[in-house]
Amino acid sequence: MKILIDAMGGDNAPLCVLQGAAQAAAEFGDGMTLALLGDEKAIRDCAAENKIDLTPFEIIPCSEVVDMHDDPVKAARHKTDSSMIKGLTMLKNGEGDAFVSAGSTGALHVGTSLIVRTLKGIKRPALATPMPGAKQNFLLLDCGANAECRPDMLNAFGTMGSVYAEKVMGRKDPQVALVNNGAEDTKGTPTYREAHQLLKANPCIHFAGNIEPRYILDGEVDVVVCDGFVGNVVLKLTEGVAKTLLGMLKQVFLKNLITKLSYLGIKGGLSEIKRMMDSEEVGGAPLLGAAKPVIKAHGSSKAKGIKNAIRQAKTCVANDLCGTMQTALNALETKPQA
């Protein structure tokens, strides 16, 4: 198994990418080759300065970098020797089994669609992010790749999310829900009302109906479906609320000696909540619907986030996620709608 890594993508590249890759190689590198794509001199200089052993890695030189401000389409078509586009091209050509990048979401999405291509029946890949819930974590998609979606796209997201929940998250008969402003099937915009009917008739999933935003974090369902605009708002609002609440709790416990002593009794529980809300624990969001595994790590990822994104890529390859997903999508086309 060969995982291709964009060494120049993200706010903290190449240092955190190299550190994360080194941690991945040490912790779960058996049977896996890691290839770093980027400016070879920058990679070697950074490794030497920070005492990172490059022996476990293959280095693939690239002369260009996709900037966060680059036009996604122009970058995909013209920056062919960049670490991102070259990595996607190698993935397409079978020179790697998965690709990991913390670079521009727009460029990665467009590059994946134009170069790696999508599974049959999928118009555009969706970013899928595992999120923490009160009872269990769940998968949110789309969380930023497609701001506007047609009903059939939302239906396909439900199928892809269900396959991911089963194959990667280990869920049996995963429950799929559609984000809406009410539980009734008459709620929402025309797009969401039609999507509800398609998901309800989808023979490849277990549809739990609409779910209101206030119940999403309960963790009662395994997959939560929405368009990329709504999903990105849900994702960032959740991250913001978690950060704010943890900060407020910290201030409460620092008030006086008694509150500080009280904190010692629940320190372990609060640390666990903080860990659960940490995006670095997840590592990245797979672009579900891509013909081969593409993992988008957070742009601000540190070493732990990159390591876990690589772990996620390895899991996707080991479970033949894309092949299983194509089988489910084929079944959706051939099975009669309920």
Protein backbone atom coordinates (compact mmCIF):
# COMPACT_ATOMS: atom_id res chain seq x y z
CA MET A 1 0.00 0.00 0.00
CA LYS A 2 1.37 3.41 -0.98
CA ILE A 3 0.03 6.64 0.50
CA LEU A 4 0.86 9.89 -1.34
CA ILE A 5 1.22 12.95 0.92
CA ASP A 6 1.14 16.61 -0.07
CA ALA A 7 4.12 17.85 1.94
CA MET A 8 3.54 21.50 0.96
CA GLY A 9 -0.20 21.73 1.73
CA GLY A 10 -1.60 23.50 4.80
CA ASP A 11 -0.74 26.38 7.11
CA ASN A 12 2.02 24.45 8.89
CA ALA A 13 3.75 22.75 5.97
CA PRO A 14 6.19 21.23 5.56
CA LEU A 15 7.16 20.84 9.25
CA CYS A 16 3.90 19.46 10.67
CA VAL A 17 3.37 17.29 7.59
CA LEU A 18 6.80 15.72 8.05
CA GLN A 19 6.28 15.27 11.79
CA GLY A 20 2.85 13.68 11.26
CA ALA A 21 4.16 11.39 8.53
CA ALA A 22 7.04 10.33 10.79
CA GLN A 23 4.59 9.52 13.60
CA ALA A 24 2.40 7.54 11.19
CA ALA A 25 5.38 5.57 9.90
CA ALA A 26 6.39 4.71 13.47
CA GLU A 27 2.92 3.83 14.78
CA PHE A 28 1.23 2.00 11.91
CA GLY A 29 3.65 1.99 9.00
CA ASP A 30 3.91 -1.79 8.57
CA GLY A 31 2.96 -2.76 5.03
CA MET A 32 2.67 0.87 4.00
CA THR A 33 4.93 3.11 1.91
CA LEU A 34 4.68 6.86 2.45
CA ALA A 35 5.64 9.21 -0.39
CA LEU A 36 6.20 12.93 0.27
CA LEU A 37 5.51 15.28 -2.65
CA GLY A 38 6.96 18.79 -2.67
CA ASP A 39 10.03 20.98 -2.89
CA GLU A 40 12.79 18.46 -2.18
CA LYS A 41 15.23 21.03 -0.80
CA ALA A 42 12.60 22.51 1.51
CA ILE A 43 11.67 19.04 2.74
CA ARG A 44 15.26 17.98 3.40
CA ASP A 45 16.21 21.30 5.02
CA CYS A 46 13.17 21.19 7.30
CA ALA A 47 13.88 17.57 8.24
CA ALA A 48 17.52 18.30 9.00
CA GLU A 49 16.69 21.36 11.09
CA ASN A 50 14.12 19.45 13.14
CA LYS A 51 15.94 16.11 13.27
CA ILE A 52 13.29 14.18 11.34
CA ASP A 53 14.52 10.93 9.80
CA LEU A 54 13.51 10.78 6.13
CA THR A 55 14.70 7.19 5.67
CA PRO A 56 11.16 5.68 5.76
CA PHE A 57 9.93 8.00 3.00
CA GLU A 58 10.07 8.27 -0.74
CA ILE A 59 10.48 11.89 -1.84
CA ILE A 60 8.87 12.98 -5.11
CA PRO A 61 10.19 16.40 -6.21
CA CYS A 62 7.68 19.08 -7.29
CA SER A 63 8.48 22.57 -8.55
CA GLU A 64 5.13 24.24 -7.79
CA VAL A 65 2.74 24.74 -4.88
CA VAL A 66 -1.03 25.32 -4.97
CA ASP A 67 -1.64 28.43 -2.89
CA MET A 68 -4.79 28.84 -0.78
CA HIS A 69 -5.69 31.86 -2.92
CA ASP A 70 -5.22 30.15 -6.29
CA ASP A 71 -8.26 29.75 -8.50
CA PRO A 72 -9.16 26.05 -8.07
CA VAL A 73 -9.84 25.36 -11.76
CA LYS A 74 -6.74 27.20 -12.97
CA ALA A 75 -4.60 25.45 -10.36
CA ALA A 76 -5.90 22.02 -11.36
CA ARG A 77 -5.27 22.67 -15.05
CA HIS A 78 -2.03 24.62 -15.02
CA LYS A 79 -0.06 23.82 -11.84
CA THR A 80 0.60 20.29 -13.00
CA ASP A 81 3.94 20.02 -11.19
CA SER A 82 2.54 21.15 -7.84
CA SER A 83 2.55 18.75 -4.90
CA MET A 84 -1.27 18.57 -4.94
CA ILE A 85 -1.97 18.15 -8.65
CA LYS A 86 0.99 15.83 -9.23
CA GLY A 87 -0.18 13.70 -6.31
CA LEU A 88 -3.70 13.45 -7.71
CA THR A 89 -2.30 12.57 -11.13
CA MET A 90 -0.15 9.82 -9.65
CA LEU A 91 -3.18 8.50 -7.79
CA LYS A 92 -5.17 8.41 -11.02
CA ASN A 93 -2.35 6.57 -12.81
CA GLY A 94 -2.13 3.87 -10.16
CA GLU A 95 1.18 5.10 -8.72
CA GLY A 96 -0.38 5.35 -5.26
CA ASP A 97 -3.38 3.96 -3.40
CA ALA A 98 -4.54 7.12 -1.58
CA PHE A 99 -3.72 10.82 -1.38
CA VAL A 100 -3.61 13.08 1.71
CA SER A 101 -3.49 16.89 1.60
CA ALA A 102 -4.09 19.79 4.01
CA GLY A 103 -4.02 22.25 1.11
CA SER A 104 -6.77 24.29 -0.55
CA THR A 105 -10.16 22.57 -0.23
CA GLY A 106 -11.41 24.11 -3.48
CA ALA A 107 -8.38 23.05 -5.50
CA LEU A 108 -8.43 19.55 -4.00
CA HIS A 109 -12.13 19.16 -4.77
CA VAL A 110 -11.79 20.40 -8.35
CA GLY A 111 -8.56 18.47 -8.90
CA THR A 112 -10.12 15.28 -7.61
CA SER A 113 -13.16 15.71 -9.87
CA LEU A 114 -11.15 16.54 -13.00
CA ILE A 115 -8.17 14.21 -12.53
CA VAL A 116 -9.02 11.29 -10.27
CA ARG A 117 -12.65 11.45 -11.41
CA THR A 118 -15.70 10.18 -9.55
CA LEU A 119 -17.48 6.91 -9.11
CA LYS A 120 -20.21 6.07 -11.59
CA GLY A 121 -23.42 7.78 -10.49
CA ILE A 122 -21.68 10.57 -8.59
CA LYS A 123 -21.63 14.08 -9.99
CA ARG A 124 -19.41 15.66 -7.33
CA PRO A 125 -17.52 14.24 -4.33
CA ALA A 126 -18.65 15.24 -0.83
CA LEU A 127 -16.48 16.10 2.16
CA ALA A 128 -17.45 13.77 5.00
CA THR A 129 -16.34 14.56 8.55
CA PRO A 130 -16.75 12.25 11.57
CA MET A 131 -18.06 14.36 14.47
CA PRO A 132 -18.51 13.67 18.21
CA GLY A 133 -21.98 12.95 19.58
CA ALA A 134 -23.36 12.38 23.07
CA LYS A 135 -23.93 8.66 22.47
CA GLN A 136 -21.53 8.02 19.60
CA ASN A 137 -19.71 9.88 16.87
CA PHE A 138 -21.42 10.33 13.52
CA LEU A 139 -20.58 11.25 9.92
CA LEU A 140 -21.56 14.67 8.55
CA LEU A 141 -21.66 15.19 4.77
CA ASP A 142 -21.35 17.35 2.84
CA CYS A 143 -19.38 19.71 5.09
CA GLY A 144 -18.02 22.18 2.55
CA ALA A 145 -17.34 20.83 -0.93
CA ASN A 146 -20.72 21.58 -2.57
CA ALA A 147 -22.51 24.70 -1.35
CA GLU A 148 -25.56 23.91 -3.46
CA CYS A 149 -26.90 20.42 -4.09
CA ARG A 150 -29.67 18.84 -6.10
CA PRO A 151 -31.96 16.27 -4.43
CA ASP A 152 -30.29 13.38 -6.25
CA MET A 153 -26.89 14.50 -4.92
CA LEU A 154 -28.18 14.47 -1.34
CA ASN A 155 -29.59 10.99 -1.96
CA ALA A 156 -26.18 9.81 -3.23
CA PHE A 157 -24.53 11.37 -0.16
CA GLY A 158 -26.80 9.20 1.99
CA THR A 159 -25.69 6.05 0.17
CA MET A 160 -21.98 6.94 0.33
CA GLY A 161 -22.20 7.95 3.99
CA SER A 162 -23.90 4.69 4.87
CA VAL A 163 -21.14 2.66 3.20
CA TYR A 164 -18.43 4.68 4.98
CA ALA A 165 -20.16 4.29 8.35
CA GLU A 166 -20.32 0.53 7.87
CA LYS A 167 -16.88 -0.11 6.37
CA VAL A 168 -14.72 2.46 8.18
CA MET A 169 -16.65 3.29 11.36
CA GLY A 170 -17.79 -0.30 11.93
CA ARG A 171 -21.52 0.43 12.20
CA LYS A 172 -24.07 -2.28 11.51
CA ASP A 173 -27.12 -1.09 9.57
CA PRO A 174 -26.17 2.61 9.94
CA GLN A 175 -29.02 5.09 10.36
CA VAL A 176 -29.09 8.03 7.91
CA ALA A 177 -30.87 11.33 8.60
CA LEU A 178 -31.40 14.53 6.60
CA VAL A 179 -30.77 17.91 8.26
CA ASN A 180 -33.92 20.04 8.17
CA ASN A 181 -35.81 22.70 10.12
CA GLY A 182 -38.42 20.22 11.24
CA ALA A 183 -39.01 16.49 11.59
CA GLU A 184 -42.02 16.37 9.25
CA ASP A 185 -41.39 15.34 5.63
CA THR A 186 -43.18 18.51 4.48
CA LYS A 187 -40.54 20.76 6.08
CA GLY A 188 -37.72 22.57 4.32
CA THR A 189 -37.06 23.93 0.85
CA PRO A 190 -38.34 22.15 -2.28
CA THR A 191 -34.86 20.62 -2.70
CA TYR A 192 -34.90 19.15 0.80
CA ARG A 193 -38.48 17.95 0.52
CA GLU A 194 -37.64 16.08 -2.68
CA ALA A 195 -34.40 14.76 -1.17
CA HIS A 196 -36.41 13.43 1.78
CA GLN A 197 -38.61 11.39 -0.57
CA LEU A 198 -35.60 10.03 -2.46
CA LEU A 199 -33.81 9.03 0.74
CA LYS A 200 -37.00 7.47 2.09
CA ALA A 201 -37.27 5.32 -1.05
CA ASN A 202 -33.53 4.52 -1.19
CA PRO A 203 -33.22 0.70 -0.89
CA CYS A 204 -29.54 0.86 0.08
CA ILE A 205 -29.86 2.78 3.34
CA HIS A 206 -31.77 2.83 6.63
CA PHE A 207 -33.38 6.27 6.52
CA ALA A 208 -34.30 7.76 9.91
CA GLY A 209 -36.07 10.80 8.45
CA ASN A 210 -35.36 14.48 9.04
CA ILE A 211 -33.23 15.63 11.96
CA GLU A 212 -33.36 19.12 13.46
CA PRO A 213 -29.97 20.79 14.13
CA ARG A 214 -30.53 20.79 17.91
CA TYR A 215 -30.61 16.98 17.90
CA ILE A 216 -27.62 16.35 15.62
CA LEU A 217 -25.09 16.10 18.46
CA ASP A 218 -27.22 13.58 20.36
CA GLY A 219 -25.50 10.88 18.31
CA GLU A 220 -28.72 8.96 17.73
CA VAL A 221 -27.96 8.49 14.00
CA ASP A 222 -24.79 7.40 12.20
CA VAL A 223 -24.91 9.63 9.11
CA VAL A 224 -26.20 13.20 8.80
CA VAL A 225 -26.80 14.48 5.26
CA CYS A 226 -26.97 18.09 4.06
CA ASP A 227 -25.54 20.42 1.42
CA GLY A 228 -22.04 21.83 1.83
CA PHE A 229 -23.17 25.27 2.96
CA VAL A 230 -25.32 23.92 5.80
CA GLY A 231 -22.73 21.30 6.70
CA ASN A 232 -19.88 23.79 6.90
CA VAL A 233 -21.97 26.04 9.16
CA VAL A 234 -22.85 23.08 11.41
CA LEU A 235 -19.20 21.99 11.56
CA LYS A 236 -17.73 25.41 12.36
CA LEU A 237 -20.51 26.37 14.77
CA THR A 238 -19.97 23.12 16.67
CA GLU A 239 -16.21 23.74 16.85
CA GLY A 240 -16.82 27.31 18.04
CA VAL A 241 -19.39 26.36 20.67
CA ALA A 242 -17.15 23.59 22.02
CA LYS A 243 -14.17 25.95 22.28
CA THR A 244 -16.27 28.65 23.97
CA LEU A 245 -17.89 26.30 26.49
CA LEU A 246 -14.59 24.71 27.47
CA GLY A 247 -13.12 28.19 27.94
CA MET A 248 -16.08 29.26 30.09
CA LEU A 249 -15.76 26.12 32.24
CA LYS A 250 -12.07 26.83 32.73
CA GLN A 251 -12.86 30.33 34.00
CA VAL A 252 -15.46 28.93 36.41
CA PHE A 253 -12.97 26.47 37.91
CA LEU A 254 -10.27 29.13 38.30
CA LYS A 255 -12.43 31.40 40.47
CA ASN A 256 -11.17 30.32 43.88
CA LEU A 257 -9.50 27.53 45.83
CA ILE A 258 -12.72 25.53 46.28
CA THR A 259 -13.52 25.54 42.56
CA LYS A 260 -9.91 24.59 41.78
CA LEU A 261 -10.18 21.60 44.12
CA SER A 262 -13.51 20.66 42.50
CA TYR A 263 -11.80 20.72 39.12
CA LEU A 264 -9.38 18.02 40.23
CA GLY A 265 -12.31 15.65 40.69
CA ILE A 266 -13.58 16.00 37.13
CA LYS A 267 -10.33 16.79 35.33
CA GLY A 268 -10.29 13.40 33.62
CA GLY A 269 -13.83 13.82 32.28
CA LEU A 270 -13.17 17.30 30.93
CA SER A 271 -9.97 16.10 29.27
CA GLU A 272 -11.94 13.36 27.53
CA ILE A 273 -14.53 15.88 26.28
CA LYS A 274 -11.72 18.10 24.99
CA ARG A 275 -10.18 15.12 23.21
CA MET A 276 -13.49 14.19 21.60
CA MET A 277 -13.99 17.73 20.29
CA ASP A 278 -10.45 17.93 18.90
CA SER A 279 -10.48 17.89 15.08
CA GLU A 280 -6.90 16.59 15.19
CA GLU A 281 -8.22 13.28 16.54
CA VAL A 282 -10.18 12.72 13.32
CA GLY A 283 -7.36 13.86 11.07
CA GLY A 284 -9.25 14.58 7.88
CA ALA A 285 -12.39 14.37 5.80
CA PRO A 286 -12.55 11.86 2.94
CA LEU A 287 -13.84 13.12 -0.39
CA LEU A 288 -16.56 10.49 -0.72
CA GLY A 289 -17.45 9.77 -4.32
CA ALA A 290 -13.90 10.05 -5.63
CA ALA A 291 -12.80 7.05 -7.69
CA LYS A 292 -9.85 6.54 -5.32
CA PRO A 293 -9.32 7.57 -1.67
CA VAL A 294 -8.58 11.29 -1.22
CA ILE A 295 -8.34 12.65 2.34
CA LYS A 296 -8.58 16.38 3.08
CA ALA A 297 -6.81 17.27 6.33
CA HIS A 298 -7.67 20.51 8.12
CA GLY A 299 -5.66 23.45 6.77
CA SER A 300 -4.36 24.22 10.27
CA SER A 301 -3.46 20.58 11.02
CA LYS A 302 -0.57 19.93 13.35
CA ALA A 303 1.42 16.68 13.41
CA LYS A 304 -1.34 14.68 15.14
CA GLY A 305 -3.90 15.73 12.54
CA ILE A 306 -1.65 14.69 9.64
CA LYS A 307 -0.86 11.37 11.33
CA ASN A 308 -4.55 10.60 11.77
CA ALA A 309 -5.35 11.65 8.20
CA ILE A 310 -2.79 9.10 7.01
CA ARG A 311 -4.35 6.51 9.31
CA GLN A 312 -7.73 7.26 7.78
CA ALA A 313 -6.31 6.88 4.27
CA LYS A 314 -4.83 3.51 5.19
CA THR A 315 -8.18 2.34 6.59
CA CYS A 316 -10.02 3.41 3.42
CA VAL A 317 -7.60 1.45 1.23
CA ALA A 318 -7.59 -1.62 3.47
CA ASN A 319 -11.41 -1.76 3.41
CA ASP A 320 -11.67 -1.12 -0.35
CA LEU A 321 -13.96 1.80 0.45
CA CYS A 322 -14.27 3.05 -3.13
CA GLY A 323 -14.99 -0.39 -4.57
CA THR A 324 -17.63 -1.13 -1.94
CA MET A 325 -19.18 2.29 -2.48
CA GLN A 326 -19.40 1.73 -6.24
CA THR A 327 -21.17 -1.57 -5.62
CA ALA A 328 -23.73 0.18 -3.41
CA LEU A 329 -24.26 2.94 -5.99
CA ASN A 330 -24.75 0.34 -8.72
CA ALA A 331 -27.34 -1.35 -6.54
CA LEU A 332 -29.13 1.97 -6.09
CA GLU A 333 -29.51 2.24 -9.87
CA THR A 334 -30.72 -1.33 -10.37
CA LYS A 335 -32.95 -1.89 -7.34
CA PRO A 336 -36.57 -0.73 -7.58
CA GLN A 337 -37.36 2.30 -5.41
CA ALA A 338 -39.67 1.52 -2.48
